[in-house]
Amino acid sequence: MAGVWVFKNGVVRLVENTSSTEQPSTARRKVLVFTPTNEVIGSYASLEHRLMALGWERYYEDPDLLQFHKRSSLDLISLPIDFARFKSIHMYDIVVKNRDSFRVIDM
């Protein structure tokens, strides 16, 4: 999988492209791993539990997003409300803001 970084309305995001010649069996799916326990994060409930333990608080401003804020910083994690739309760009955002606690791997 490859992608292009797009800057729009002050936000940079990665638009992922899948090659039409790439076989589905060779495509790798990325997963978010909580490194202290090597737990693969498979739901927002699991992710919310881990983030809250790290000092993140749920932010309820936008009903279309699942958002977390850390009081000690200006960081905000914004995720789509549907876990099926949780992509690698969201995973890397979590990793950057919690370097010692999460990582992204290929399954």
C-alpha atoms as a PDB file:
ATOM      1  CA  MET A   1       0.000   0.000   0.000  1.00  0.00           C
ATOM      2  CA  ALA A   2       1.191   3.469  -0.841  1.00  0.00           C
ATOM      3  CA  GLY A   3      -0.270   6.877  -0.518  1.00  0.00           C
ATOM      4  CA  VAL A   4      -0.039  10.593  -1.032  1.00  0.00           C
ATOM      5  CA  TRP A   5       0.098  13.245   1.678  1.00  0.00           C
ATOM      6  CA  VAL A   6      -2.638  15.858   1.102  1.00  0.00           C
ATOM      7  CA  PHE A   7      -2.773  19.277   2.758  1.00  0.00           C
ATOM      8  CA  LYS A   8      -6.314  20.683   2.921  1.00  0.00           C
ATOM      9  CA  ASN A   9      -7.870  23.264   5.267  1.00  0.00           C
ATOM     10  CA  GLY A  10      -4.785  23.297   7.471  1.00  0.00           C
ATOM     11  CA  VAL A  11      -4.775  19.515   7.973  1.00  0.00           C
ATOM     12  CA  VAL A  12      -2.287  17.035   6.533  1.00  0.00           C
ATOM     13  CA  ARG A  13      -3.546  13.504   5.930  1.00  0.00           C
ATOM     14  CA  LEU A  14      -2.385  10.404   4.086  1.00  0.00           C
ATOM     15  CA  VAL A  15      -4.620   9.242   1.256  1.00  0.00           C
ATOM     16  CA  GLU A  16      -3.878   5.551   0.786  1.00  0.00           C
ATOM     17  CA  ASN A  17      -3.888   3.939  -2.635  1.00  0.00           C
ATOM     18  CA  THR A  18      -4.034   0.234  -3.362  1.00  0.00           C
ATOM     19  CA  SER A  19      -2.513  -0.901  -6.603  1.00  0.00           C
ATOM     20  CA  SER A  20      -4.973  -2.547  -8.975  1.00  0.00           C
ATOM     21  CA  THR A  21      -2.358  -5.227  -9.688  1.00  0.00           C
ATOM     22  CA  GLU A  22      -1.888  -6.065  -6.017  1.00  0.00           C
ATOM     23  CA  GLN A  23      -3.406  -9.412  -5.049  1.00  0.00           C
ATOM     24  CA  PRO A  24      -5.748  -9.370  -2.051  1.00  0.00           C
ATOM     25  CA  SER A  25      -3.831 -12.261  -0.492  1.00  0.00           C
ATOM     26  CA  THR A  26      -0.577 -10.239  -0.500  1.00  0.00           C
ATOM     27  CA  ALA A  27      -2.138  -7.071   0.918  1.00  0.00           C
ATOM     28  CA  ARG A  28      -1.066  -6.475   4.499  1.00  0.00           C
ATOM     29  CA  ARG A  29      -3.439  -5.096   7.052  1.00  0.00           C
ATOM     30  CA  LYS A  30      -2.005  -2.751   9.652  1.00  0.00           C
ATOM     31  CA  VAL A  31      -2.971  -3.100  13.294  1.00  0.00           C
ATOM     32  CA  LEU A  32      -2.385  -0.957  16.371  1.00  0.00           C
ATOM     33  CA  VAL A  33      -0.585  -2.733  19.210  1.00  0.00           C
ATOM     34  CA  PHE A  34      -0.435  -1.672  22.860  1.00  0.00           C
ATOM     35  CA  THR A  35       3.258  -2.393  23.492  1.00  0.00           C
ATOM     36  CA  PRO A  36       3.340  -3.011  27.281  1.00  0.00           C
ATOM     37  CA  THR A  37       1.073  -6.072  26.856  1.00  0.00           C
ATOM     38  CA  ASN A  38       1.435  -6.716  23.086  1.00  0.00           C
ATOM     39  CA  GLU A  39      -2.357  -6.477  22.831  1.00  0.00           C
ATOM     40  CA  VAL A  40      -3.780  -5.840  19.360  1.00  0.00           C
ATOM     41  CA  ILE A  41      -6.374  -3.081  19.671  1.00  0.00           C
ATOM     42  CA  GLY A  42      -9.521  -4.561  18.126  1.00  0.00           C
ATOM     43  CA  SER A  43     -12.192  -2.125  19.298  1.00  0.00           C
ATOM     44  CA  TYR A  44     -12.705   1.430  20.414  1.00  0.00           C
ATOM     45  CA  ALA A  45     -13.619   0.174  23.889  1.00  0.00           C
ATOM     46  CA  SER A  46     -10.187  -1.407  24.227  1.00  0.00           C
ATOM     47  CA  LEU A  47      -8.465   1.678  22.813  1.00  0.00           C
ATOM     48  CA  GLU A  48     -10.422   4.034  25.089  1.00  0.00           C
ATOM     49  CA  HIS A  49      -9.498   1.933  28.140  1.00  0.00           C
ATOM     50  CA  ARG A  50      -5.777   2.113  27.244  1.00  0.00           C
ATOM     51  CA  LEU A  51      -5.836   5.840  26.423  1.00  0.00           C
ATOM     52  CA  MET A  52      -7.659   6.720  29.644  1.00  0.00           C
ATOM     53  CA  ALA A  53      -5.043   4.793  31.627  1.00  0.00           C
ATOM     54  CA  LEU A  54      -2.399   6.967  29.925  1.00  0.00           C
ATOM     55  CA  GLY A  55      -4.118  10.202  31.004  1.00  0.00           C
ATOM     56  CA  TRP A  56      -6.275  10.913  27.954  1.00  0.00           C
ATOM     57  CA  GLU A  57      -9.834  12.175  28.441  1.00  0.00           C
ATOM     58  CA  ARG A  58     -12.817  11.716  26.158  1.00  0.00           C
ATOM     59  CA  TYR A  59     -13.819  14.935  24.385  1.00  0.00           C
ATOM     60  CA  TYR A  60     -17.517  15.150  23.388  1.00  0.00           C
ATOM     61  CA  GLU A  61     -17.615  18.267  21.148  1.00  0.00           C
ATOM     62  CA  ASP A  62     -18.251  16.546  17.773  1.00  0.00           C
ATOM     63  CA  PRO A  63     -20.825  13.712  17.603  1.00  0.00           C
ATOM     64  CA  ASP A  64     -19.323  12.459  14.325  1.00  0.00           C
ATOM     65  CA  LEU A  65     -15.886  11.858  15.849  1.00  0.00           C
ATOM     66  CA  LEU A  66     -14.411   9.986  18.762  1.00  0.00           C
ATOM     67  CA  GLN A  67     -11.951  12.451  20.308  1.00  0.00           C
ATOM     68  CA  PHE A  68      -9.441  12.297  23.137  1.00  0.00           C
ATOM     69  CA  HIS A  69      -7.567  15.167  24.772  1.00  0.00           C
ATOM     70  CA  LYS A  70      -4.671  15.174  27.204  1.00  0.00           C
ATOM     71  CA  ARG A  71      -4.766  18.029  29.734  1.00  0.00           C
ATOM     72  CA  SER A  72      -0.985  18.242  29.957  1.00  0.00           C
ATOM     73  CA  SER A  73      -0.636  18.991  26.229  1.00  0.00           C
ATOM     74  CA  LEU A  74      -2.334  20.520  23.220  1.00  0.00           C
ATOM     75  CA  ASP A  75      -2.703  17.117  21.560  1.00  0.00           C
ATOM     76  CA  LEU A  76      -6.071  15.951  20.294  1.00  0.00           C
ATOM     77  CA  ILE A  77      -6.731  12.513  18.832  1.00  0.00           C
ATOM     78  CA  SER A  78      -9.685  12.491  16.409  1.00  0.00           C
ATOM     79  CA  LEU A  79     -11.032   9.180  15.137  1.00  0.00           C
ATOM     80  CA  PRO A  80     -13.993   8.240  12.937  1.00  0.00           C
ATOM     81  CA  ILE A  81     -16.963   7.135  15.016  1.00  0.00           C
ATOM     82  CA  ASP A  82     -17.121   3.824  13.094  1.00  0.00           C
ATOM     83  CA  PHE A  83     -14.243   1.457  13.967  1.00  0.00           C
ATOM     84  CA  ALA A  84     -14.443  -0.027  10.447  1.00  0.00           C
ATOM     85  CA  ARG A  85     -13.152   3.335   9.154  1.00  0.00           C
ATOM     86  CA  PHE A  86     -10.194   3.306  11.593  1.00  0.00           C
ATOM     87  CA  LYS A  87      -7.220   3.464   9.176  1.00  0.00           C
ATOM     88  CA  SER A  88      -3.448   3.456   9.466  1.00  0.00           C
ATOM     89  CA  ILE A  89      -3.310   7.273   9.485  1.00  0.00           C
ATOM     90  CA  HIS A  90      -5.326   7.245  12.727  1.00  0.00           C
ATOM     91  CA  MET A  91      -3.060   4.544  14.157  1.00  0.00           C
ATOM     92  CA  TYR A  92       0.076   6.545  13.408  1.00  0.00           C
ATOM     93  CA  ASP A  93      -1.498   9.635  14.982  1.00  0.00           C
ATOM     94  CA  ILE A  94      -1.951   7.649  18.207  1.00  0.00           C
ATOM     95  CA  VAL A  95       1.620   6.298  18.003  1.00  0.00           C
ATOM     96  CA  VAL A  96       3.143   9.767  17.539  1.00  0.00           C
ATOM     97  CA  LYS A  97       1.284  11.090  20.580  1.00  0.00           C
ATOM     98  CA  ASN A  98       2.040   7.998  22.722  1.00  0.00           C
ATOM     99  CA  ARG A  99       5.465   6.845  21.525  1.00  0.00           C
ATOM    100  CA  ASP A 100       6.224   4.422  24.341  1.00  0.00           C
ATOM    101  CA  SER A 101       2.803   2.803  24.494  1.00  0.00           C
ATOM    102  CA  PHE A 102       1.681   1.987  20.956  1.00  0.00           C
ATOM    103  CA  ARG A 103       3.103   0.793  17.639  1.00  0.00           C
ATOM    104  CA  VAL A 104       1.708  -0.141  14.226  1.00  0.00           C
ATOM    105  CA  ILE A 105       2.573  -3.486  12.663  1.00  0.00           C
ATOM    106  CA  ASP A 106       1.609  -5.440   9.531  1.00  0.00           C
ATOM    107  CA  MET A 107      -0.577  -8.482  10.114  1.00  0.00           C
END
